[in-house]
């Protein structure tokens, strides 16, 4: 049953704090991240500099999306 729920309402539409992987760095300062298998565009805090594909980052939910706090060390 959970598979059907994930198809109807992917986990990316019900965000929780945690980690994600950067899939793309966009020219407007956002990044595309992968969360629970779903691709989502996320805003970034200014402190997250030198953004790169493959970074494992900490994200928090904001208004149905995510904000990247920074890269895990």
N, C-alpha and C. Protein backbone atom coordinates (compact mmCIF):
# COMPACT_ATOMS: atom_id res chain seq x y z
N UNK A 1 0.81 -1.19 0.00
CA UNK A 1 0.00 0.00 0.00
C UNK A 1 0.86 1.26 0.00
N UNK A 2 1.99 1.24 0.71
CA UNK A 2 2.83 2.44 0.75
C UNK A 2 3.37 2.79 -0.63
N UNK A 3 3.58 1.80 -1.49
CA UNK A 3 4.07 2.10 -2.84
C UNK A 3 3.06 2.93 -3.61
N UNK A 4 1.78 2.63 -3.47
CA UNK A 4 0.75 3.40 -4.13
C UNK A 4 0.72 4.82 -3.60
N UNK A 5 0.85 4.98 -2.29
CA UNK A 5 0.88 6.32 -1.70
C UNK A 5 2.06 7.12 -2.22
N UNK A 6 3.23 6.49 -2.34
CA UNK A 6 4.41 7.19 -2.86
C UNK A 6 4.22 7.59 -4.31
N UNK A 7 3.48 6.82 -5.08
CA UNK A 7 3.22 7.18 -6.48
C UNK A 7 2.25 8.35 -6.56
N UNK A 8 1.25 8.36 -5.69
CA UNK A 8 0.26 9.44 -5.70
C UNK A 8 0.85 10.71 -5.10
N UNK A 9 1.53 10.59 -3.98
CA UNK A 9 2.12 11.73 -3.29
C UNK A 9 3.55 11.39 -2.92
N UNK A 10 4.50 11.70 -3.82
CA UNK A 10 5.90 11.37 -3.55
C UNK A 10 6.41 11.98 -2.26
N UNK A 11 7.41 11.37 -1.68
CA UNK A 11 7.97 11.86 -0.42
C UNK A 11 8.45 13.29 -0.54
N UNK A 12 8.85 13.70 -1.72
CA UNK A 12 9.34 15.08 -1.89
C UNK A 12 8.24 16.10 -1.64
N UNK A 13 6.97 15.69 -1.70
CA UNK A 13 5.89 16.63 -1.43
C UNK A 13 5.56 16.69 0.05
N UNK A 14 6.17 15.85 0.86
CA UNK A 14 5.97 15.85 2.31
C UNK A 14 7.34 15.86 2.96
N UNK A 15 8.06 16.98 2.86
CA UNK A 15 9.47 17.00 3.25
C UNK A 15 9.71 16.88 4.74
N UNK A 16 10.85 16.28 5.06
CA UNK A 16 11.35 16.21 6.43
C UNK A 16 12.83 16.59 6.40
N UNK A 17 13.34 17.02 7.54
CA UNK A 17 14.75 17.38 7.61
C UNK A 17 15.61 16.13 7.44
N UNK A 18 16.77 16.30 6.85
CA UNK A 18 17.68 15.17 6.68
C UNK A 18 18.74 15.46 5.66
N UNK A 19 19.23 14.40 5.04
CA UNK A 19 20.29 14.56 4.06
C UNK A 19 19.75 14.36 2.66
N UNK A 20 20.48 14.91 1.72
CA UNK A 20 20.17 14.78 0.30
C UNK A 20 21.47 14.84 -0.47
N UNK A 21 21.41 14.47 -1.74
CA UNK A 21 22.59 14.51 -2.61
C UNK A 21 22.34 15.53 -3.72
N UNK A 22 23.32 16.39 -3.97
CA UNK A 22 23.20 17.40 -5.03
C UNK A 22 23.37 16.72 -6.39
N UNK A 23 22.35 16.88 -7.24
CA UNK A 23 22.38 16.29 -8.58
C UNK A 23 22.78 17.31 -9.64
N UNK A 24 22.55 18.60 -9.36
CA UNK A 24 22.90 19.65 -10.32
C UNK A 24 23.04 20.97 -9.58
N UNK A 25 23.93 21.83 -10.08
CA UNK A 25 24.10 23.17 -9.55
C UNK A 25 23.57 24.12 -10.62
N UNK A 26 22.62 24.97 -10.25
CA UNK A 26 21.96 25.84 -11.21
C UNK A 26 22.54 27.25 -11.18
N UNK A 27 22.47 27.95 -12.30
CA UNK A 27 23.04 29.29 -12.44
C UNK A 27 22.40 30.31 -11.51
N UNK A 28 21.15 30.07 -11.09
CA UNK A 28 20.46 31.02 -10.22
C UNK A 28 20.77 30.84 -8.74
N UNK A 29 21.72 29.96 -8.41
CA UNK A 29 22.11 29.76 -7.02
C UNK A 29 21.41 28.60 -6.34
N UNK A 30 20.41 28.02 -6.98
CA UNK A 30 19.74 26.86 -6.42
C UNK A 30 20.49 25.59 -6.82
N UNK A 31 20.12 24.49 -6.20
CA UNK A 31 20.66 23.20 -6.58
C UNK A 31 19.50 22.23 -6.77
N UNK A 32 19.69 21.24 -7.60
CA UNK A 32 18.75 20.14 -7.70
C UNK A 32 19.27 19.06 -6.79
N UNK A 33 18.40 18.55 -5.90
CA UNK A 33 18.81 17.52 -4.96
C UNK A 33 17.96 16.28 -5.17
N UNK A 34 18.49 15.17 -4.73
CA UNK A 34 17.74 13.92 -4.77
C UNK A 34 17.37 13.55 -3.34
N UNK A 35 16.06 13.43 -3.10
CA UNK A 35 15.53 13.10 -1.79
C UNK A 35 14.59 11.92 -1.95
N UNK A 36 14.90 10.82 -1.30
CA UNK A 36 14.06 9.62 -1.36
C UNK A 36 13.74 9.24 -2.81
N UNK A 37 14.73 9.39 -3.70
CA UNK A 37 14.56 9.01 -5.09
C UNK A 37 13.88 10.04 -5.96
N UNK A 38 13.46 11.17 -5.40
CA UNK A 38 12.78 12.21 -6.17
C UNK A 38 13.71 13.40 -6.36
N UNK A 39 13.66 14.01 -7.54
CA UNK A 39 14.46 15.20 -7.83
C UNK A 39 13.68 16.44 -7.45
N UNK A 40 14.34 17.35 -6.70
CA UNK A 40 13.70 18.56 -6.21
C UNK A 40 14.69 19.71 -6.34
N UNK A 41 14.22 20.90 -6.73
CA UNK A 41 15.07 22.09 -6.74
C UNK A 41 14.99 22.73 -5.36
N UNK A 42 16.14 23.10 -4.82
CA UNK A 42 16.19 23.67 -3.47
C UNK A 42 17.00 24.95 -3.45
N UNK A 43 16.58 25.89 -2.61
CA UNK A 43 17.35 27.10 -2.35
C UNK A 43 18.50 26.74 -1.41
N UNK A 44 19.51 27.61 -1.36
CA UNK A 44 20.68 27.34 -0.52
C UNK A 44 20.96 28.52 0.39
N UNK A 45 21.44 28.23 1.58
CA UNK A 45 21.91 29.26 2.49
C UNK A 45 23.22 29.82 1.92
N UNK A 46 23.51 31.09 2.19
CA UNK A 46 24.72 31.71 1.69
C UNK A 46 25.98 30.99 2.16
N UNK A 47 25.92 30.39 3.33
CA UNK A 47 27.09 29.70 3.88
C UNK A 47 27.49 28.47 3.07
N UNK A 48 26.55 27.93 2.28
CA UNK A 48 26.87 26.77 1.45
C UNK A 48 27.50 27.26 0.15
N UNK A 49 28.83 27.38 0.17
CA UNK A 49 29.58 27.85 -0.99
C UNK A 49 30.25 26.67 -1.67
N UNK A 50 30.85 26.90 -2.81
CA UNK A 50 31.53 25.86 -3.58
C UNK A 50 30.63 24.64 -3.78
N UNK A 51 29.41 24.90 -4.21
CA UNK A 51 28.42 23.85 -4.44
C UNK A 51 28.90 22.94 -5.56
N UNK A 52 28.73 21.64 -5.37
CA UNK A 52 29.20 20.69 -6.38
C UNK A 52 28.27 19.48 -6.46
N UNK A 53 28.16 18.95 -7.66
CA UNK A 53 27.41 17.71 -7.87
C UNK A 53 28.02 16.62 -7.01
N UNK A 54 27.16 15.86 -6.35
CA UNK A 54 27.62 14.77 -5.50
C UNK A 54 27.76 15.14 -4.03
N UNK A 55 27.67 16.45 -3.71
CA UNK A 55 27.74 16.86 -2.31
C UNK A 55 26.60 16.20 -1.53
N UNK A 56 26.89 15.73 -0.33
CA UNK A 56 25.86 15.26 0.58
C UNK A 56 25.58 16.43 1.51
N UNK A 57 24.33 16.90 1.51
CA UNK A 57 23.98 18.14 2.21
C UNK A 57 22.87 17.90 3.22
N UNK A 58 22.81 18.81 4.21
CA UNK A 58 21.73 18.80 5.19
C UNK A 58 20.65 19.74 4.71
N UNK A 59 19.41 19.26 4.68
CA UNK A 59 18.29 20.07 4.19
C UNK A 59 17.20 20.15 5.26
N UNK A 60 16.47 21.28 5.23
CA UNK A 60 15.31 21.43 6.10
C UNK A 60 14.10 21.77 5.24
N UNK A 61 12.92 21.33 5.67
CA UNK A 61 11.72 21.63 4.90
C UNK A 61 11.26 23.06 5.10
N UNK A 62 10.86 23.69 4.01
CA UNK A 62 10.31 25.04 4.05
C UNK A 62 9.22 25.14 2.99
N UNK A 63 7.99 25.38 3.42
CA UNK A 63 6.86 25.57 2.51
C UNK A 63 6.74 24.51 1.42
N UNK A 64 6.80 23.26 1.80
CA UNK A 64 6.63 22.18 0.83
C UNK A 64 7.85 21.87 0.00
N UNK A 65 8.96 22.52 0.26
CA UNK A 65 10.20 22.27 -0.45
C UNK A 65 11.35 22.15 0.53
N UNK A 66 12.55 22.42 0.08
CA UNK A 66 13.72 22.30 0.93
C UNK A 66 14.64 23.51 0.81
N UNK A 67 15.40 23.77 1.88
CA UNK A 67 16.50 24.72 1.87
C UNK A 67 17.74 23.96 2.29
N UNK A 68 18.79 24.10 1.52
CA UNK A 68 20.06 23.43 1.84
C UNK A 68 20.80 24.28 2.86
N UNK A 69 21.12 23.68 4.00
CA UNK A 69 21.85 24.37 5.07
C UNK A 69 23.35 24.35 4.81
N UNK A 70 23.85 23.23 4.31
CA UNK A 70 25.28 23.12 4.06
C UNK A 70 25.68 21.69 3.77
N UNK A 71 26.94 21.52 3.47
CA UNK A 71 27.51 20.22 3.12
C UNK A 71 27.97 19.51 4.39
N UNK A 72 27.77 18.19 4.43
CA UNK A 72 28.32 17.40 5.53
C UNK A 72 29.82 17.31 5.37
N UNK A 73 30.56 17.39 6.47
CA UNK A 73 32.02 17.35 6.43
C UNK A 73 32.56 15.96 6.48
